[in-house]
């Protein structure tokens, strides 16, 4: 019996010929980065009941445990990827007004 491949699997097969192994030096660096990113620590923080309730509400809406949401928010903040929607909308209005 022959297995049918979906589009993404076919793309992988087409690109297999261009595969090049990662040099050992780069592989060690990549593995070290992955190892560090997998480590986590527990922390204790004090936040208001209102803030916690809002976090839990947002987490339920997103289908996540609230601690995962908090961790995600902190990660986005420290990597400068946390977006202020109001600031983005304000910038877009400014750009459209000056076109």
N, C-alpha and C. Protein backbone atom coordinates (compact mmCIF):
# COMPACT_ATOMS: atom_id res chain seq x y z
N UNK A 1 0.84 -1.18 0.00
CA UNK A 1 0.00 0.00 0.00
C UNK A 1 0.89 1.24 0.00
N UNK A 2 0.62 2.15 -0.91
CA UNK A 2 1.42 3.37 -1.03
C UNK A 2 0.77 4.49 -0.23
N UNK A 3 1.61 5.20 0.54
CA UNK A 3 1.11 6.30 1.36
C UNK A 3 1.03 7.58 0.55
N UNK A 4 -0.06 8.31 0.69
CA UNK A 4 -0.22 9.60 0.01
C UNK A 4 0.41 10.67 0.89
N UNK A 5 1.20 11.53 0.27
CA UNK A 5 1.82 12.63 0.99
C UNK A 5 1.02 13.90 0.80
N UNK A 6 0.97 14.70 1.90
CA UNK A 6 0.30 15.99 1.75
C UNK A 6 1.30 17.00 1.17
N UNK A 7 0.87 18.23 0.94
CA UNK A 7 1.70 19.24 0.28
C UNK A 7 2.97 19.54 1.05
N UNK A 8 2.88 19.65 2.38
CA UNK A 8 4.08 19.96 3.16
C UNK A 8 5.07 18.80 3.14
N UNK A 9 4.58 17.58 3.16
CA UNK A 9 5.47 16.42 3.08
C UNK A 9 6.15 16.33 1.72
N UNK A 10 5.41 16.66 0.66
CA UNK A 10 6.02 16.67 -0.68
C UNK A 10 7.10 17.74 -0.77
N UNK A 11 6.87 18.90 -0.15
CA UNK A 11 7.87 19.97 -0.15
C UNK A 11 9.14 19.53 0.57
N UNK A 12 8.97 18.78 1.65
CA UNK A 12 10.14 18.26 2.38
C UNK A 12 10.91 17.29 1.50
N UNK A 13 10.21 16.42 0.82
CA UNK A 13 10.89 15.46 -0.07
C UNK A 13 11.64 16.17 -1.19
N UNK A 14 11.02 17.22 -1.77
CA UNK A 14 11.68 17.95 -2.86
C UNK A 14 12.95 18.65 -2.38
N UNK A 15 12.95 19.11 -1.13
CA UNK A 15 14.11 19.84 -0.62
C UNK A 15 15.16 18.93 0.01
N UNK A 16 14.90 17.64 0.10
CA UNK A 16 15.82 16.72 0.76
C UNK A 16 17.20 16.71 0.10
N UNK A 17 17.25 16.88 -1.19
CA UNK A 17 18.53 16.85 -1.90
C UNK A 17 19.43 18.02 -1.50
N UNK A 18 18.83 19.12 -1.04
CA UNK A 18 19.63 20.28 -0.67
C UNK A 18 20.05 20.26 0.80
N UNK A 19 19.73 19.19 1.51
CA UNK A 19 20.08 19.07 2.92
C UNK A 19 21.60 19.07 3.10
N UNK A 20 22.07 19.84 4.05
CA UNK A 20 23.48 19.86 4.41
C UNK A 20 23.57 19.72 5.92
N UNK A 21 24.40 18.78 6.41
CA UNK A 21 24.50 18.63 7.86
C UNK A 21 25.08 19.89 8.51
N UNK A 22 24.68 20.11 9.75
CA UNK A 22 25.18 21.25 10.50
C UNK A 22 26.60 20.93 10.96
N UNK A 23 27.53 21.86 10.75
CA UNK A 23 28.92 21.61 11.21
C UNK A 23 28.94 21.38 12.72
N UNK A 24 29.86 20.53 13.21
CA UNK A 24 29.90 20.20 14.64
C UNK A 24 29.98 21.44 15.55
N UNK A 25 30.74 22.45 15.15
CA UNK A 25 30.87 23.65 15.97
C UNK A 25 29.51 24.34 16.11
N UNK A 26 28.79 24.49 15.01
CA UNK A 26 27.48 25.12 15.03
C UNK A 26 26.47 24.26 15.78
N UNK A 27 26.60 22.96 15.61
CA UNK A 27 25.67 22.04 16.29
C UNK A 27 25.77 22.18 17.80
N UNK A 28 27.01 22.27 18.33
CA UNK A 28 27.19 22.43 19.78
C UNK A 28 26.57 23.73 20.26
N UNK A 29 26.75 24.80 19.49
CA UNK A 29 26.20 26.11 19.86
C UNK A 29 24.67 26.05 19.86
N UNK A 30 24.09 25.43 18.84
CA UNK A 30 22.64 25.30 18.74
C UNK A 30 22.09 24.46 19.89
N UNK A 31 22.76 23.36 20.19
CA UNK A 31 22.31 22.49 21.29
C UNK A 31 22.39 23.21 22.63
N UNK A 32 23.42 24.04 22.82
CA UNK A 32 23.54 24.80 24.07
C UNK A 32 22.39 25.80 24.21
N UNK A 33 22.04 26.45 23.11
CA UNK A 33 20.93 27.40 23.13
C UNK A 33 19.62 26.67 23.47
N UNK A 34 19.40 25.53 22.85
CA UNK A 34 18.17 24.76 23.10
C UNK A 34 18.12 24.28 24.55
N UNK A 35 19.24 23.85 25.09
CA UNK A 35 19.29 23.39 26.48
C UNK A 35 18.94 24.53 27.43
N UNK A 36 19.52 25.72 27.20
CA UNK A 36 19.23 26.87 28.07
C UNK A 36 17.77 27.27 27.98
N UNK A 37 17.20 27.19 26.78
CA UNK A 37 15.82 27.64 26.61
C UNK A 37 14.83 26.67 27.26
N UNK A 38 15.23 25.43 27.47
CA UNK A 38 14.33 24.45 28.07
C UNK A 38 14.30 24.54 29.59
N UNK A 39 15.34 25.12 30.18
CA UNK A 39 15.40 25.22 31.64
C UNK A 39 14.43 26.29 32.12
N UNK A 40 13.77 26.00 33.21
CA UNK A 40 12.86 26.99 33.78
C UNK A 40 13.01 26.97 35.30
N UNK A 41 12.59 28.08 35.91
CA UNK A 41 12.64 28.21 37.36
C UNK A 41 11.30 28.69 37.85
N UNK A 42 10.95 28.28 39.02
CA UNK A 42 9.75 28.77 39.66
C UNK A 42 10.06 30.09 40.35
N UNK A 43 9.12 31.04 40.27
CA UNK A 43 9.27 32.30 40.97
C UNK A 43 7.99 32.61 41.72
N UNK A 44 8.08 33.45 42.72
CA UNK A 44 6.90 33.92 43.44
C UNK A 44 6.81 35.42 43.24
N UNK A 45 5.63 35.88 42.85
CA UNK A 45 5.43 37.33 42.72
C UNK A 45 4.13 37.70 43.41
N UNK A 46 4.05 38.95 43.80
CA UNK A 46 2.82 39.46 44.40
C UNK A 46 2.15 40.37 43.38
N UNK A 47 0.89 40.04 43.08
CA UNK A 47 0.10 40.90 42.20
C UNK A 47 -1.27 41.06 42.81
N UNK A 48 -1.96 42.09 42.41
CA UNK A 48 -3.28 42.34 42.98
C UNK A 48 -4.27 41.26 42.56
N UNK A 49 -5.29 41.09 43.39
CA UNK A 49 -6.34 40.11 43.08
C UNK A 49 -7.01 40.46 41.75
N UNK A 50 -7.22 41.75 41.51
CA UNK A 50 -7.86 42.19 40.28
C UNK A 50 -7.03 41.81 39.06
N UNK A 51 -5.72 42.05 39.14
CA UNK A 51 -4.83 41.71 38.03
C UNK A 51 -4.83 40.21 37.79
N UNK A 52 -4.78 39.42 38.86
CA UNK A 52 -4.80 37.97 38.72
C UNK A 52 -6.11 37.50 38.10
N UNK A 53 -7.20 38.07 38.52
CA UNK A 53 -8.50 37.69 37.95
C UNK A 53 -8.55 38.01 36.45
N UNK A 54 -8.02 39.18 36.07
CA UNK A 54 -8.00 39.55 34.64
C UNK A 54 -7.09 38.61 33.86
N UNK A 55 -5.94 38.26 34.42
CA UNK A 55 -5.04 37.31 33.75
C UNK A 55 -5.72 35.96 33.54
N UNK A 56 -6.41 35.50 34.57
CA UNK A 56 -7.10 34.21 34.45
C UNK A 56 -8.21 34.28 33.40
N UNK A 57 -8.91 35.41 33.34
CA UNK A 57 -9.96 35.57 32.34
C UNK A 57 -9.37 35.54 30.93
N UNK A 58 -8.27 36.28 30.74
CA UNK A 58 -7.61 36.29 29.42
C UNK A 58 -7.09 34.91 29.06
N UNK A 59 -6.53 34.22 30.03
CA UNK A 59 -5.99 32.88 29.78
C UNK A 59 -7.10 31.92 29.36
N UNK A 60 -8.24 31.99 30.05
CA UNK A 60 -9.37 31.12 29.66
C UNK A 60 -9.80 31.40 28.23
N UNK A 61 -9.86 32.70 27.89
CA UNK A 61 -10.26 33.10 26.53
C UNK A 61 -9.29 32.55 25.49
N UNK A 62 -8.00 32.50 25.86
CA UNK A 62 -6.97 32.00 24.94
C UNK A 62 -6.83 30.48 25.00
N UNK A 63 -7.46 29.85 25.98
CA UNK A 63 -7.36 28.39 26.13
C UNK A 63 -6.04 27.95 26.71
N UNK A 64 -5.46 28.80 27.59
CA UNK A 64 -4.16 28.52 28.19
C UNK A 64 -4.26 28.50 29.71
N UNK A 65 -3.37 27.79 30.39
CA UNK A 65 -3.26 27.98 31.82
C UNK A 65 -2.73 29.41 32.08
N UNK A 66 -3.20 30.07 33.13
CA UNK A 66 -2.81 31.46 33.33
C UNK A 66 -1.32 31.62 33.57
N UNK A 67 -0.66 30.63 34.18
CA UNK A 67 0.78 30.74 34.40
C UNK A 67 1.54 30.71 33.07
N UNK A 68 1.04 29.95 32.12
CA UNK A 68 1.64 29.92 30.79
C UNK A 68 1.49 31.28 30.12
N UNK A 69 0.32 31.88 30.27
CA UNK A 69 0.09 33.21 29.71
C UNK A 69 1.05 34.24 30.32
N UNK A 70 1.20 34.21 31.63
CA UNK A 70 2.12 35.14 32.31
C UNK A 70 3.54 34.93 31.80
N UNK A 71 3.97 33.70 31.69
CA UNK A 71 5.30 33.41 31.18
C UNK A 71 5.48 33.92 29.76
N UNK A 72 4.46 33.73 28.93
CA UNK A 72 4.51 34.20 27.55
C UNK A 72 4.61 35.73 27.49
N UNK A 73 3.83 36.41 28.31
CA UNK A 73 3.87 37.87 28.35
C UNK A 73 5.25 38.35 28.76
N UNK A 74 5.81 37.75 29.79
CA UNK A 74 7.15 38.14 30.25
C UNK A 74 8.20 37.88 29.17
N UNK A 75 8.10 36.74 28.50
CA UNK A 75 9.05 36.43 27.44
C UNK A 75 8.96 37.45 26.31
N UNK A 76 7.74 37.77 25.90
CA UNK A 76 7.57 38.76 24.83
C UNK A 76 8.11 40.12 25.26
N UNK A 77 7.94 40.47 26.52
CA UNK A 77 8.43 41.76 27.01
C UNK A 77 9.95 41.83 26.95
N UNK A 78 10.63 40.80 27.44
CA UNK A 78 12.10 40.85 27.49
C UNK A 78 12.72 40.70 26.11
N UNK A 79 11.97 40.18 25.14
CA UNK A 79 12.49 40.06 23.78
C UNK A 79 11.96 41.17 22.87
N UNK A 80 11.37 42.19 23.48
CA UNK A 80 10.84 43.35 22.76
C UNK A 80 9.81 42.98 21.71
N UNK A 81 8.98 41.98 21.99
CA UNK A 81 7.94 41.58 21.05
C UNK A 81 6.54 41.77 21.62
N UNK A 82 6.46 42.40 22.80
CA UNK A 82 5.16 42.68 23.38
C UNK A 82 4.63 43.94 22.71
N UNK A 83 3.47 43.83 22.08
CA UNK A 83 2.95 44.91 21.26
C UNK A 83 1.85 45.66 21.99
N UNK A 84 1.94 46.98 22.00
CA UNK A 84 0.90 47.84 22.55
C UNK A 84 -0.04 48.18 21.40
N UNK A 85 -1.22 47.55 21.38
CA UNK A 85 -2.15 47.73 20.26
C UNK A 85 -2.56 49.19 20.09
N UNK A 86 -2.76 49.90 21.18
CA UNK A 86 -3.15 51.31 21.07
C UNK A 86 -2.06 52.12 20.38
N UNK A 87 -0.80 51.85 20.71
CA UNK A 87 0.30 52.59 20.08
C UNK A 87 0.38 52.26 18.59
N UNK A 88 0.14 51.01 18.23
CA UNK A 88 0.16 50.61 16.82
C UNK A 88 -0.97 51.32 16.07
N UNK A 89 -2.17 51.30 16.65
CA UNK A 89 -3.30 51.96 16.00
C UNK A 89 -3.06 53.46 15.85
N UNK A 90 -2.48 54.08 16.87
CA UNK A 90 -2.18 55.51 16.81
C UNK A 90 -1.18 55.79 15.69
N UNK A 91 -0.16 54.96 15.59
CA UNK A 91 0.85 55.12 14.53
C UNK A 91 0.22 54.96 13.15
N UNK A 92 -0.67 53.96 13.00
CA UNK A 92 -1.33 53.75 11.71
C UNK A 92 -2.21 54.94 11.34
N UNK A 93 -2.95 55.48 12.32
CA UNK A 93 -3.77 56.66 12.04
C UNK A 93 -2.90 57.84 11.61
N UNK A 94 -1.76 58.01 12.28
CA UNK A 94 -0.84 59.09 11.94
C UNK A 94 -0.31 58.93 10.52
N UNK A 95 0.10 57.69 10.18
CA UNK A 95 0.63 57.44 8.84
C UNK A 95 -0.42 57.66 7.77
N UNK A 96 -1.65 57.21 8.02
CA UNK A 96 -2.72 57.41 7.03
C UNK A 96 -3.05 58.88 6.85
N UNK A 97 -3.00 59.62 7.93
CA UNK A 97 -3.30 61.06 7.86
C UNK A 97 -2.24 61.83 7.08
N UNK A 98 -1.02 61.30 7.03
CA UNK A 98 0.08 61.99 6.37
C UNK A 98 0.43 61.42 4.99
N UNK A 99 -0.48 60.65 4.43
CA UNK A 99 -0.22 60.07 3.10
C UNK A 99 -0.48 61.08 2.01
